[in-house]
């Protein structure tokens, strides 16, 4: 019988305990620490956090632009909906669910977005190019 996101998200106590185990002074935003990476991998496995959108990493600015943040928020909501739809369709194996959701994400990234009139991929790429500092242009 397919299960929804509820069982995956219901173990809030262990997630909260893990967050509280954060070493003093460590930022949750600091990539590359073993503690942070374990937490984020666990959260990704639990809620199928969306894969990073396929925009060239070498164009990544020091901060996320407003449009990218908006689109990523939309994507997070869509990933959970797509996950529920996939499971409701009878696909319940973890890898098969992930493959189906990632395929839908890739379609969404490349499809024309109603608000922006072009694909999320194009919107983010343009925003990242516009926010690069002059000294970053060599990247």
N, C-alpha and C. Protein backbone atom coordinates (compact mmCIF):
# COMPACT_ATOMS: atom_id res chain seq x y z
N UNK A 1 0.85 -1.19 0.00
CA UNK A 1 0.00 0.00 0.00
C UNK A 1 0.89 1.24 0.00
N UNK A 2 0.68 2.17 -0.92
CA UNK A 2 1.52 3.36 -0.97
C UNK A 2 1.40 4.19 0.30
N UNK A 3 2.50 4.80 0.68
CA UNK A 3 2.49 5.68 1.84
C UNK A 3 2.76 7.09 1.37
N UNK A 4 2.23 8.05 2.10
CA UNK A 4 2.47 9.45 1.77
C UNK A 4 3.71 9.96 2.48
N UNK A 5 3.87 11.26 2.45
CA UNK A 5 5.03 11.88 3.08
C UNK A 5 4.95 11.83 4.59
N UNK A 6 3.74 11.63 5.13
CA UNK A 6 3.55 11.63 6.59
C UNK A 6 4.54 10.79 7.36
N UNK A 7 4.67 9.48 7.05
CA UNK A 7 5.62 8.66 7.80
C UNK A 7 7.06 9.15 7.69
N UNK A 8 7.41 9.71 6.54
CA UNK A 8 8.78 10.20 6.38
C UNK A 8 9.02 11.46 7.20
N UNK A 9 7.98 12.26 7.36
CA UNK A 9 8.12 13.53 8.06
C UNK A 9 7.74 13.45 9.54
N UNK A 10 7.18 12.32 9.96
CA UNK A 10 6.67 12.22 11.32
C UNK A 10 7.75 12.03 12.37
N UNK A 11 8.95 11.73 11.96
CA UNK A 11 10.03 11.50 12.93
C UNK A 11 10.73 12.80 13.26
N UNK A 12 9.95 13.81 13.57
CA UNK A 12 10.49 15.13 13.86
C UNK A 12 11.41 15.15 15.06
N UNK A 13 11.17 14.27 16.03
CA UNK A 13 12.00 14.26 17.24
C UNK A 13 13.45 13.93 16.91
N UNK A 14 13.67 12.94 16.06
CA UNK A 14 15.06 12.59 15.75
C UNK A 14 15.73 13.67 14.90
N UNK A 15 14.96 14.30 14.02
CA UNK A 15 15.52 15.40 13.22
C UNK A 15 15.89 16.56 14.14
N UNK A 16 15.00 16.89 15.06
CA UNK A 16 15.26 17.98 16.00
C UNK A 16 16.48 17.66 16.88
N UNK A 17 16.58 16.42 17.34
CA UNK A 17 17.73 16.03 18.16
C UNK A 17 19.03 16.15 17.37
N UNK A 18 18.97 15.78 16.11
CA UNK A 18 20.17 15.89 15.27
C UNK A 18 20.57 17.34 15.08
N UNK A 19 19.59 18.21 14.83
CA UNK A 19 19.88 19.64 14.67
C UNK A 19 20.49 20.19 15.96
N UNK A 20 19.95 19.79 17.11
CA UNK A 20 20.46 20.27 18.39
C UNK A 20 21.88 19.76 18.67
N UNK A 21 22.30 18.71 17.98
CA UNK A 21 23.65 18.18 18.19
C UNK A 21 24.72 18.99 17.47
N UNK A 22 24.30 20.05 16.79
CA UNK A 22 25.23 20.89 16.03
C UNK A 22 26.31 21.43 16.97
N UNK A 23 27.56 21.27 16.58
CA UNK A 23 28.65 21.81 17.39
C UNK A 23 28.52 23.33 17.55
N UNK A 24 28.86 23.84 18.70
CA UNK A 24 28.79 25.28 18.97
C UNK A 24 29.62 26.05 17.95
N UNK A 25 29.05 27.14 17.49
CA UNK A 25 29.77 28.01 16.57
C UNK A 25 29.68 27.59 15.11
N UNK A 26 29.13 26.41 14.83
CA UNK A 26 29.05 25.96 13.44
C UNK A 26 27.78 26.49 12.79
N UNK A 27 27.91 26.98 11.59
CA UNK A 27 26.77 27.49 10.86
C UNK A 27 26.08 26.35 10.11
N UNK A 28 24.76 26.39 10.08
CA UNK A 28 24.02 25.41 9.27
C UNK A 28 24.25 25.65 7.78
N UNK A 29 24.73 26.82 7.45
CA UNK A 29 24.97 27.17 6.05
C UNK A 29 26.36 26.76 5.57
N UNK A 30 27.24 26.40 6.48
CA UNK A 30 28.62 26.11 6.13
C UNK A 30 28.74 24.75 5.45
N UNK A 31 28.90 24.77 4.15
CA UNK A 31 29.03 23.52 3.40
C UNK A 31 30.38 22.89 3.66
N UNK A 32 30.43 21.59 3.58
CA UNK A 32 31.70 20.89 3.67
C UNK A 32 32.02 20.32 5.04
N UNK A 33 31.22 20.63 6.06
CA UNK A 33 31.49 20.02 7.36
C UNK A 33 30.82 18.65 7.40
N UNK A 34 31.46 17.70 8.03
CA UNK A 34 30.91 16.34 8.11
C UNK A 34 29.55 16.35 8.81
N UNK A 35 29.42 17.13 9.88
CA UNK A 35 28.15 17.17 10.61
C UNK A 35 27.03 17.70 9.72
N UNK A 36 27.27 18.83 9.07
CA UNK A 36 26.24 19.43 8.22
C UNK A 36 25.88 18.52 7.07
N UNK A 37 26.88 17.92 6.44
CA UNK A 37 26.62 17.06 5.30
C UNK A 37 25.75 15.86 5.69
N UNK A 38 26.02 15.27 6.86
CA UNK A 38 25.20 14.14 7.32
C UNK A 38 23.76 14.57 7.55
N UNK A 39 23.57 15.73 8.17
CA UNK A 39 22.22 16.23 8.43
C UNK A 39 21.48 16.47 7.12
N UNK A 40 22.13 17.14 6.19
CA UNK A 40 21.46 17.47 4.94
C UNK A 40 21.16 16.22 4.11
N UNK A 41 22.06 15.24 4.12
CA UNK A 41 21.79 13.99 3.40
C UNK A 41 20.60 13.26 4.03
N UNK A 42 20.53 13.27 5.35
CA UNK A 42 19.41 12.64 6.04
C UNK A 42 18.10 13.35 5.68
N UNK A 43 18.11 14.67 5.72
CA UNK A 43 16.89 15.41 5.37
C UNK A 43 16.50 15.18 3.91
N UNK A 44 17.48 15.14 3.04
CA UNK A 44 17.20 14.89 1.63
C UNK A 44 16.56 13.52 1.44
N UNK A 45 17.07 12.52 2.15
CA UNK A 45 16.51 11.18 2.04
C UNK A 45 15.08 11.12 2.58
N UNK A 46 14.82 11.88 3.63
CA UNK A 46 13.49 11.84 4.25
C UNK A 46 12.43 12.52 3.41
N UNK A 47 12.73 13.67 2.86
CA UNK A 47 11.70 14.45 2.17
C UNK A 47 11.96 14.63 0.68
N UNK A 48 12.93 13.94 0.15
CA UNK A 48 13.27 14.06 -1.26
C UNK A 48 13.49 15.51 -1.65
N UNK A 49 14.32 16.17 -0.89
CA UNK A 49 14.71 17.55 -1.17
C UNK A 49 15.14 17.62 -2.63
N UNK A 50 14.70 18.59 -3.37
CA UNK A 50 14.99 18.60 -4.81
C UNK A 50 16.48 18.69 -5.12
N UNK A 51 16.85 18.05 -6.20
CA UNK A 51 18.23 18.16 -6.66
C UNK A 51 18.48 19.60 -7.09
N UNK A 52 19.73 20.01 -6.99
CA UNK A 52 20.07 21.36 -7.44
C UNK A 52 19.68 21.49 -8.91
N UNK A 53 19.14 22.62 -9.24
CA UNK A 53 18.75 22.83 -10.63
C UNK A 53 19.99 22.83 -11.51
N UNK A 54 19.85 22.28 -12.69
CA UNK A 54 21.00 22.10 -13.57
C UNK A 54 21.40 23.40 -14.25
N UNK A 55 21.98 24.27 -13.47
CA UNK A 55 22.55 25.50 -14.00
C UNK A 55 24.03 25.43 -13.68
N UNK A 56 24.86 25.88 -14.61
CA UNK A 56 26.31 25.74 -14.44
C UNK A 56 26.76 26.23 -13.06
N UNK A 57 27.42 25.34 -12.31
CA UNK A 57 27.90 25.70 -10.97
C UNK A 57 28.95 26.80 -11.02
N UNK A 58 29.67 26.90 -12.13
CA UNK A 58 30.70 27.93 -12.19
C UNK A 58 30.10 29.33 -12.30
N UNK A 59 28.77 29.40 -12.47
CA UNK A 59 28.10 30.70 -12.51
C UNK A 59 27.47 31.04 -11.17
N UNK A 60 27.67 30.20 -10.16
CA UNK A 60 27.02 30.40 -8.88
C UNK A 60 27.56 31.63 -8.17
N UNK A 61 26.69 32.61 -7.89
CA UNK A 61 27.15 33.79 -7.16
C UNK A 61 27.28 33.49 -5.68
N UNK A 62 27.74 34.47 -4.91
CA UNK A 62 27.92 34.27 -3.48
C UNK A 62 26.59 34.16 -2.75
N UNK A 63 25.52 34.56 -3.36
CA UNK A 63 24.20 34.49 -2.74
C UNK A 63 23.19 34.08 -3.80
N UNK A 64 22.05 33.62 -3.34
CA UNK A 64 20.99 33.25 -4.26
C UNK A 64 20.17 34.49 -4.58
N UNK A 65 19.92 34.71 -5.84
CA UNK A 65 19.12 35.85 -6.25
C UNK A 65 17.65 35.66 -5.91
N UNK A 66 16.89 36.72 -5.99
CA UNK A 66 15.47 36.68 -5.62
C UNK A 66 14.67 35.72 -6.50
N UNK A 67 14.92 35.74 -7.78
CA UNK A 67 14.18 34.84 -8.68
C UNK A 67 14.55 33.39 -8.42
N UNK A 68 15.83 33.13 -8.23
CA UNK A 68 16.25 31.77 -7.95
C UNK A 68 15.64 31.26 -6.65
N UNK A 69 15.64 32.11 -5.62
CA UNK A 69 15.04 31.72 -4.34
C UNK A 69 13.56 31.43 -4.51
N UNK A 70 12.87 32.26 -5.27
CA UNK A 70 11.44 32.05 -5.51
C UNK A 70 11.20 30.74 -6.25
N UNK A 71 11.98 30.50 -7.29
CA UNK A 71 11.81 29.27 -8.06
C UNK A 71 12.18 28.04 -7.24
N UNK A 72 13.20 28.15 -6.41
CA UNK A 72 13.59 27.00 -5.60
C UNK A 72 12.50 26.70 -4.57
N UNK A 73 11.88 27.73 -3.99
CA UNK A 73 10.76 27.51 -3.08
C UNK A 73 9.61 26.79 -3.77
N UNK A 74 9.31 27.21 -4.99
CA UNK A 74 8.27 26.54 -5.78
C UNK A 74 8.66 25.10 -6.05
N UNK A 75 9.91 24.89 -6.39
CA UNK A 75 10.38 23.54 -6.68
C UNK A 75 10.28 22.63 -5.46
N UNK A 76 10.59 23.15 -4.29
CA UNK A 76 10.47 22.33 -3.07
C UNK A 76 9.03 21.85 -2.89
N UNK A 77 8.08 22.74 -3.09
CA UNK A 77 6.67 22.34 -2.96
C UNK A 77 6.29 21.32 -4.03
N UNK A 78 6.74 21.56 -5.25
CA UNK A 78 6.40 20.65 -6.35
C UNK A 78 7.00 19.26 -6.14
N UNK A 79 8.22 19.19 -5.65
CA UNK A 79 8.86 17.89 -5.43
C UNK A 79 8.03 17.04 -4.48
N UNK A 80 7.52 17.63 -3.42
CA UNK A 80 6.69 16.87 -2.49
C UNK A 80 5.38 16.43 -3.15
N UNK A 81 4.79 17.30 -3.95
CA UNK A 81 3.57 16.92 -4.67
C UNK A 81 3.84 15.80 -5.68
N UNK A 82 4.94 15.94 -6.42
CA UNK A 82 5.28 14.91 -7.41
C UNK A 82 5.56 13.58 -6.73
N UNK A 83 6.20 13.65 -5.57
CA UNK A 83 6.49 12.43 -4.81
C UNK A 83 5.18 11.75 -4.41
N UNK A 84 4.24 12.53 -3.91
CA UNK A 84 2.94 11.98 -3.51
C UNK A 84 2.22 11.38 -4.72
N UNK A 85 2.22 12.09 -5.84
CA UNK A 85 1.57 11.59 -7.06
C UNK A 85 2.19 10.28 -7.52
N UNK A 86 3.51 10.22 -7.48
CA UNK A 86 4.22 9.02 -7.92
C UNK A 86 3.86 7.83 -7.05
N UNK A 87 3.87 8.03 -5.75
CA UNK A 87 3.53 6.94 -4.82
C UNK A 87 2.07 6.54 -5.00
N UNK A 88 1.19 7.52 -5.16
CA UNK A 88 -0.23 7.22 -5.36
C UNK A 88 -0.47 6.43 -6.65
N UNK A 89 0.43 6.58 -7.62
CA UNK A 89 0.29 5.84 -8.88
C UNK A 89 0.71 4.38 -8.74
N UNK A 90 1.27 4.04 -7.57
CA UNK A 90 1.67 2.65 -7.34
C UNK A 90 3.16 2.42 -7.36
N UNK A 91 3.93 3.42 -7.69
CA UNK A 91 5.39 3.31 -7.67
C UNK A 91 5.84 3.63 -6.26
N UNK A 92 6.41 2.63 -5.57
CA UNK A 92 6.77 2.85 -4.17
C UNK A 92 8.23 2.55 -3.84
N UNK A 93 8.95 1.92 -4.75
CA UNK A 93 10.37 1.65 -4.49
C UNK A 93 11.11 2.99 -4.46
N UNK A 94 11.94 3.18 -3.45
CA UNK A 94 12.59 4.46 -3.23
C UNK A 94 13.31 4.98 -4.47
N UNK A 95 14.13 4.16 -5.09
CA UNK A 95 14.89 4.61 -6.27
C UNK A 95 13.97 4.94 -7.43
N UNK A 96 12.91 4.17 -7.61
CA UNK A 96 11.97 4.43 -8.71
C UNK A 96 11.22 5.74 -8.46
N UNK A 97 10.84 5.99 -7.21
CA UNK A 97 10.17 7.25 -6.87
C UNK A 97 11.12 8.41 -7.15
N UNK A 98 12.36 8.29 -6.69
CA UNK A 98 13.34 9.36 -6.90
C UNK A 98 13.56 9.61 -8.39
N UNK A 99 13.69 8.56 -9.18
CA UNK A 99 13.90 8.72 -10.63
C UNK A 99 12.72 9.44 -11.27
N UNK A 100 11.50 9.08 -10.88
CA UNK A 100 10.31 9.71 -11.46
C UNK A 100 10.24 11.19 -11.08
N UNK A 101 10.56 11.49 -9.83
CA UNK A 101 10.50 12.88 -9.36
C UNK A 101 11.57 13.72 -10.05
N UNK A 102 12.78 13.18 -10.16
CA UNK A 102 13.86 13.92 -10.82
C UNK A 102 13.50 14.16 -12.29
N UNK A 103 12.88 13.19 -12.94
CA UNK A 103 12.49 13.38 -14.34
C UNK A 103 11.48 14.52 -14.46
N UNK A 104 10.53 14.58 -13.53
CA UNK A 104 9.55 15.68 -13.56
C UNK A 104 10.23 17.02 -13.26
N UNK A 105 11.19 16.99 -12.36
CA UNK A 105 11.92 18.23 -12.05
C UNK A 105 12.64 18.73 -13.30
N UNK A 106 13.31 17.84 -14.02
CA UNK A 106 14.04 18.26 -15.22
C UNK A 106 13.08 18.84 -16.26
N UNK A 107 11.89 18.26 -16.40
CA UNK A 107 10.90 18.81 -17.33
C UNK A 107 10.49 20.22 -16.89
N UNK A 108 10.24 20.38 -15.59
CA UNK A 108 9.84 21.69 -15.05
C UNK A 108 10.93 22.74 -15.29
N UNK A 109 12.19 22.35 -15.09
CA UNK A 109 13.31 23.28 -15.27
C UNK A 109 13.37 23.83 -16.69
N UNK A 110 12.98 23.00 -17.66
CA UNK A 110 13.13 23.37 -19.07
C UNK A 110 11.86 23.93 -19.70
N UNK A 111 10.72 23.78 -19.00
CA UNK A 111 9.44 24.24 -19.55
C UNK A 111 9.25 25.74 -19.31
N UNK A 112 8.45 26.36 -20.15
CA UNK A 112 8.16 27.79 -20.00
C UNK A 112 7.40 28.00 -18.69
N UNK A 113 7.89 28.90 -17.86
CA UNK A 113 7.26 29.21 -16.57
C UNK A 113 6.22 30.31 -16.79
N UNK A 114 5.04 30.12 -16.22
CA UNK A 114 3.94 31.07 -16.44
C UNK A 114 4.29 32.49 -15.97
N UNK A 115 4.99 32.60 -14.87
CA UNK A 115 5.29 33.93 -14.32
C UNK A 115 6.40 34.65 -15.08
N UNK A 116 7.39 33.91 -15.53
CA UNK A 116 8.58 34.53 -16.13
C UNK A 116 8.61 34.47 -17.66
N UNK A 117 7.76 33.65 -18.26
CA UNK A 117 7.70 33.57 -19.72
C UNK A 117 8.85 32.82 -20.36
N UNK A 118 9.69 32.24 -19.55
CA UNK A 118 10.79 31.38 -20.04
C UNK A 118 11.07 30.34 -18.97
N UNK A 119 11.94 29.42 -19.26
CA UNK A 119 12.17 28.30 -18.35
C UNK A 119 12.88 28.74 -17.06
N UNK A 120 12.62 28.03 -15.95
CA UNK A 120 13.37 28.32 -14.73
C UNK A 120 14.88 28.26 -14.95
N UNK A 121 15.33 27.31 -15.76
CA UNK A 121 16.76 27.20 -16.08
C UNK A 121 17.26 28.52 -16.67
N UNK A 122 16.53 29.08 -17.63
CA UNK A 122 16.95 30.33 -18.28
C UNK A 122 16.90 31.51 -17.32
N UNK A 123 15.86 31.56 -16.49
CA UNK A 123 15.72 32.65 -15.52
C UNK A 123 16.90 32.66 -14.55
N UNK A 124 17.22 31.50 -14.02
CA UNK A 124 18.30 31.41 -13.03
C UNK A 124 19.66 31.68 -13.68
N UNK A 125 19.86 31.13 -14.84
CA UNK A 125 21.14 31.38 -15.53
C UNK A 125 21.34 32.87 -15.76
N UNK A 126 20.31 33.55 -16.25
CA UNK A 126 20.42 35.00 -16.50
C UNK A 126 20.64 35.76 -15.20
N UNK A 127 19.93 35.37 -14.15
CA UNK A 127 20.09 36.07 -12.87
C UNK A 127 21.50 35.86 -12.31
N UNK A 128 22.02 34.66 -12.42
CA UNK A 128 23.38 34.41 -11.93
C UNK A 128 24.41 35.20 -12.73
N UNK A 129 24.23 35.27 -14.02
CA UNK A 129 25.17 36.06 -14.84
C UNK A 129 25.12 37.53 -14.46
N UNK A 130 23.93 38.03 -14.18
CA UNK A 130 23.76 39.44 -13.85
C UNK A 130 24.31 39.78 -12.47
N UNK A 131 24.39 38.79 -11.58
CA UNK A 131 24.84 39.07 -10.22
C UNK A 131 26.32 38.78 -10.00
N UNK A 132 27.00 38.25 -11.01
CA UNK A 132 28.44 38.02 -10.84
C UNK A 132 29.16 39.35 -10.68
N UNK A 133 30.08 39.38 -9.78
CA UNK A 133 30.90 40.57 -9.60
C UNK A 133 31.95 40.61 -10.72
N UNK A 134 32.41 41.80 -11.09
CA UNK A 134 33.39 41.90 -12.18
C UNK A 134 34.60 41.00 -11.97
N UNK A 135 35.07 40.85 -10.73
CA UNK A 135 36.26 40.04 -10.50
C UNK A 135 35.96 38.55 -10.59
N UNK A 136 34.66 38.17 -10.65
CA UNK A 136 34.28 36.78 -10.81
C UNK A 136 34.15 36.37 -12.26
N UNK A 137 34.24 37.33 -13.19
CA UNK A 137 33.94 37.03 -14.59
C UNK A 137 34.92 36.07 -15.22
N UNK A 138 36.07 35.87 -14.62
CA UNK A 138 37.05 34.94 -15.19
C UNK A 138 36.63 33.49 -14.97
N UNK A 139 35.67 33.27 -14.07
CA UNK A 139 35.26 31.89 -13.77
C UNK A 139 34.54 31.28 -14.89
